[in-house]
Amino acid sequence: MKKNEKNFLDVIPVKLHLNYKKQNGNIHLIFIHDSLLQKFLRWMTKKSSTSSLELEGLGSVVWENIDGKNTVYDIINILLEKEKDSYESMQKRVFMFVRLLKNKKIIDFKKFD
């Protein structure tokens, strides 16, 4: 395990994007496109003012366990209780997903004093 990965297990993710709903067991993140540029592009393309991103399976379970208290390590262990997988494989999957959410500014990491 690399040094930065070990520290990443202690990170506590927090949701920045709070507009979501649960439907048919999956989480749907809802995005509202209301900037001036987005309004103009919607008018040009006749697109909706909202869009959604469906998180299925692992993604929905991860999302539901991002509560500002659970660490990445906690979330990995919660998933391992629900799905048979090796720890290393689950760790890679969760790391990749959490980093993707962070890069898209859908979540952030709790700051420590």
C-alpha atoms as a PDB file:
ATOM      1  CA  MET A   1       0.000   0.000   0.000  1.00  0.00           C
ATOM      2  CA  LYS A   2       1.366   3.419  -0.946  1.00  0.00           C
ATOM      3  CA  LYS A   3       1.717   6.064   1.745  1.00  0.00           C
ATOM      4  CA  ASN A   4      -0.912   8.401   0.242  1.00  0.00           C
ATOM      5  CA  GLU A   5      -3.384   5.507  -0.122  1.00  0.00           C
ATOM      6  CA  LYS A   6      -3.020   4.626   3.547  1.00  0.00           C
ATOM      7  CA  ASN A   7      -3.855   8.238   4.464  1.00  0.00           C
ATOM      8  CA  PHE A   8      -6.754   8.222   2.011  1.00  0.00           C
ATOM      9  CA  LEU A   9      -8.426   5.510   4.121  1.00  0.00           C
ATOM     10  CA  ASP A  10      -8.732   8.039   6.969  1.00  0.00           C
ATOM     11  CA  VAL A  11     -10.387  10.706   4.798  1.00  0.00           C
ATOM     12  CA  ILE A  12     -14.005  11.574   5.614  1.00  0.00           C
ATOM     13  CA  PRO A  13     -15.978  12.457   2.476  1.00  0.00           C
ATOM     14  CA  VAL A  14     -18.838  14.979   2.717  1.00  0.00           C
ATOM     15  CA  LYS A  15     -21.535  15.726   0.163  1.00  0.00           C
ATOM     16  CA  LEU A  16     -21.416  19.064  -1.633  1.00  0.00           C
ATOM     17  CA  HIS A  17     -24.208  18.186  -4.037  1.00  0.00           C
ATOM     18  CA  LEU A  18     -27.385  17.905  -1.987  1.00  0.00           C
ATOM     19  CA  ASN A  19     -29.980  17.707  -4.758  1.00  0.00           C
ATOM     20  CA  TYR A  20     -30.671  13.992  -5.149  1.00  0.00           C
ATOM     21  CA  LYS A  21     -33.383  11.399  -4.758  1.00  0.00           C
ATOM     22  CA  LYS A  22     -33.592   7.658  -4.305  1.00  0.00           C
ATOM     23  CA  GLN A  23     -35.630   5.827  -6.914  1.00  0.00           C
ATOM     24  CA  ASN A  24     -35.850   2.072  -7.502  1.00  0.00           C
ATOM     25  CA  GLY A  25     -32.982   1.510  -5.053  1.00  0.00           C
ATOM     26  CA  ASN A  26     -30.582   3.813  -6.901  1.00  0.00           C
ATOM     27  CA  ILE A  27     -29.484   7.352  -6.133  1.00  0.00           C
ATOM     28  CA  HIS A  28     -30.175   9.974  -8.797  1.00  0.00           C
ATOM     29  CA  LEU A  29     -28.099  13.168  -8.543  1.00  0.00           C
ATOM     30  CA  ILE A  30     -30.087  16.070  -9.997  1.00  0.00           C
ATOM     31  CA  PHE A  31     -28.307  18.983 -11.650  1.00  0.00           C
ATOM     32  CA  ILE A  32     -29.982  22.306 -12.421  1.00  0.00           C
ATOM     33  CA  HIS A  33     -28.483  24.265 -15.318  1.00  0.00           C
ATOM     34  CA  ASP A  34     -29.364  27.886 -14.683  1.00  0.00           C
ATOM     35  CA  SER A  35     -26.307  30.014 -15.432  1.00  0.00           C
ATOM     36  CA  LEU A  36     -26.708  32.583 -18.199  1.00  0.00           C
ATOM     37  CA  LEU A  37     -24.580  30.513 -20.585  1.00  0.00           C
ATOM     38  CA  GLN A  38     -26.471  27.331 -19.736  1.00  0.00           C
ATOM     39  CA  LYS A  39     -29.814  29.092 -20.286  1.00  0.00           C
ATOM     40  CA  PHE A  40     -28.665  30.298 -23.697  1.00  0.00           C
ATOM     41  CA  LEU A  41     -27.375  26.854 -24.698  1.00  0.00           C
ATOM     42  CA  ARG A  42     -30.616  25.245 -23.496  1.00  0.00           C
ATOM     43  CA  TRP A  43     -32.598  27.710 -25.588  1.00  0.00           C
ATOM     44  CA  MET A  44     -30.441  26.916 -28.645  1.00  0.00           C
ATOM     45  CA  THR A  45     -30.647  23.147 -28.209  1.00  0.00           C
ATOM     46  CA  LYS A  46     -34.128  22.879 -26.647  1.00  0.00           C
ATOM     47  CA  LYS A  47     -32.701  20.925 -23.701  1.00  0.00           C
ATOM     48  CA  SER A  48     -34.173  20.632 -20.229  1.00  0.00           C
ATOM     49  CA  SER A  49     -33.034  22.866 -17.378  1.00  0.00           C
ATOM     50  CA  THR A  50     -32.228  19.778 -15.315  1.00  0.00           C
ATOM     51  CA  SER A  51     -30.285  16.605 -15.827  1.00  0.00           C
ATOM     52  CA  SER A  52     -29.595  13.639 -13.605  1.00  0.00           C
ATOM     53  CA  LEU A  53     -26.893  11.102 -13.005  1.00  0.00           C
ATOM     54  CA  GLU A  54     -27.956   7.675 -11.773  1.00  0.00           C
ATOM     55  CA  LEU A  55     -25.658   5.923  -9.324  1.00  0.00           C
ATOM     56  CA  GLU A  56     -26.246   2.195  -9.450  1.00  0.00           C
ATOM     57  CA  GLY A  57     -25.185  -0.554  -7.070  1.00  0.00           C
ATOM     58  CA  LEU A  58     -21.868   0.290  -5.478  1.00  0.00           C
ATOM     59  CA  GLY A  59     -22.238   3.990  -6.296  1.00  0.00           C
ATOM     60  CA  SER A  60     -25.563   4.264  -4.490  1.00  0.00           C
ATOM     61  CA  VAL A  61     -24.259   2.430  -1.410  1.00  0.00           C
ATOM     62  CA  VAL A  62     -21.176   4.648  -1.300  1.00  0.00           C
ATOM     63  CA  TRP A  63     -23.357   7.766  -1.650  1.00  0.00           C
ATOM     64  CA  GLU A  64     -25.706   6.693   1.132  1.00  0.00           C
ATOM     65  CA  ASN A  65     -22.745   6.140   3.453  1.00  0.00           C
ATOM     66  CA  ILE A  66     -21.134   9.507   2.793  1.00  0.00           C
ATOM     67  CA  ASP A  67     -22.516  11.108   5.922  1.00  0.00           C
ATOM     68  CA  GLY A  68     -19.680  13.286   7.197  1.00  0.00           C
ATOM     69  CA  LYS A  69     -18.778  10.634   9.788  1.00  0.00           C
ATOM     70  CA  ASN A  70     -17.725   7.540   7.823  1.00  0.00           C
ATOM     71  CA  THR A  71     -14.149   7.372   6.593  1.00  0.00           C
ATOM     72  CA  VAL A  72     -13.261   5.831   3.248  1.00  0.00           C
ATOM     73  CA  TYR A  73     -12.096   2.800   5.267  1.00  0.00           C
ATOM     74  CA  ASP A  74     -15.531   2.553   6.928  1.00  0.00           C
ATOM     75  CA  ILE A  75     -17.280   2.733   3.554  1.00  0.00           C
ATOM     76  CA  ILE A  76     -15.075  -0.021   2.110  1.00  0.00           C
ATOM     77  CA  ASN A  77     -15.961  -2.290   5.033  1.00  0.00           C
ATOM     78  CA  ILE A  78     -19.695  -1.520   4.712  1.00  0.00           C
ATOM     79  CA  LEU A  79     -19.514  -2.529   1.049  1.00  0.00           C
ATOM     80  CA  LEU A  80     -17.632  -5.723   1.864  1.00  0.00           C
ATOM     81  CA  GLU A  81     -20.517  -6.732   4.143  1.00  0.00           C
ATOM     82  CA  LYS A  82     -22.930  -6.378   1.197  1.00  0.00           C
ATOM     83  CA  GLU A  83     -20.814  -7.773  -1.637  1.00  0.00           C
ATOM     84  CA  LYS A  84     -18.280 -10.591  -1.824  1.00  0.00           C
ATOM     85  CA  ASP A  85     -15.012  -9.120  -3.036  1.00  0.00           C
ATOM     86  CA  SER A  86     -11.407  -8.964  -1.887  1.00  0.00           C
ATOM     87  CA  TYR A  87     -10.446  -6.003   0.271  1.00  0.00           C
ATOM     88  CA  GLU A  88      -7.863  -4.849  -2.284  1.00  0.00           C
ATOM     89  CA  SER A  89     -10.340  -4.947  -5.167  1.00  0.00           C
ATOM     90  CA  MET A  90     -13.028  -3.095  -3.185  1.00  0.00           C
ATOM     91  CA  GLN A  91     -10.485  -0.530  -2.026  1.00  0.00           C
ATOM     92  CA  LYS A  92      -9.479   0.226  -5.631  1.00  0.00           C
ATOM     93  CA  ARG A  93     -13.109   0.525  -6.719  1.00  0.00           C
ATOM     94  CA  VAL A  94     -14.030   2.857  -3.858  1.00  0.00           C
ATOM     95  CA  PHE A  95     -10.870   4.966  -4.236  1.00  0.00           C
ATOM     96  CA  MET A  96     -11.593   5.453  -7.945  1.00  0.00           C
ATOM     97  CA  PHE A  97     -15.251   6.339  -7.372  1.00  0.00           C
ATOM     98  CA  VAL A  98     -14.595   8.717  -4.464  1.00  0.00           C
ATOM     99  CA  ARG A  99     -11.839  10.478  -6.417  1.00  0.00           C
ATOM    100  CA  LEU A 100     -14.178  10.848  -9.401  1.00  0.00           C
ATOM    101  CA  LEU A 101     -16.862  12.436  -7.191  1.00  0.00           C
ATOM    102  CA  LYS A 102     -14.243  14.750  -5.665  1.00  0.00           C
ATOM    103  CA  ASN A 103     -12.852  15.765  -9.075  1.00  0.00           C
ATOM    104  CA  LYS A 104     -16.397  16.577 -10.266  1.00  0.00           C
ATOM    105  CA  LYS A 105     -16.926  18.682  -7.090  1.00  0.00           C
ATOM    106  CA  ILE A 106     -19.864  16.499  -6.011  1.00  0.00           C
ATOM    107  CA  ILE A 107     -18.153  15.708  -2.708  1.00  0.00           C
ATOM    108  CA  ASP A 108     -15.273  17.147  -0.730  1.00  0.00           C
ATOM    109  CA  PHE A 109     -13.182  15.894   2.158  1.00  0.00           C
ATOM    110  CA  LYS A 110     -13.774  16.977   5.728  1.00  0.00           C
ATOM    111  CA  LYS A 111     -11.184  19.438   6.933  1.00  0.00           C
ATOM    112  CA  PHE A 112      -9.489  18.697  10.224  1.00  0.00           C
ATOM    113  CA  ASP A 113      -8.547  21.434  12.671  1.00  0.00           C
END
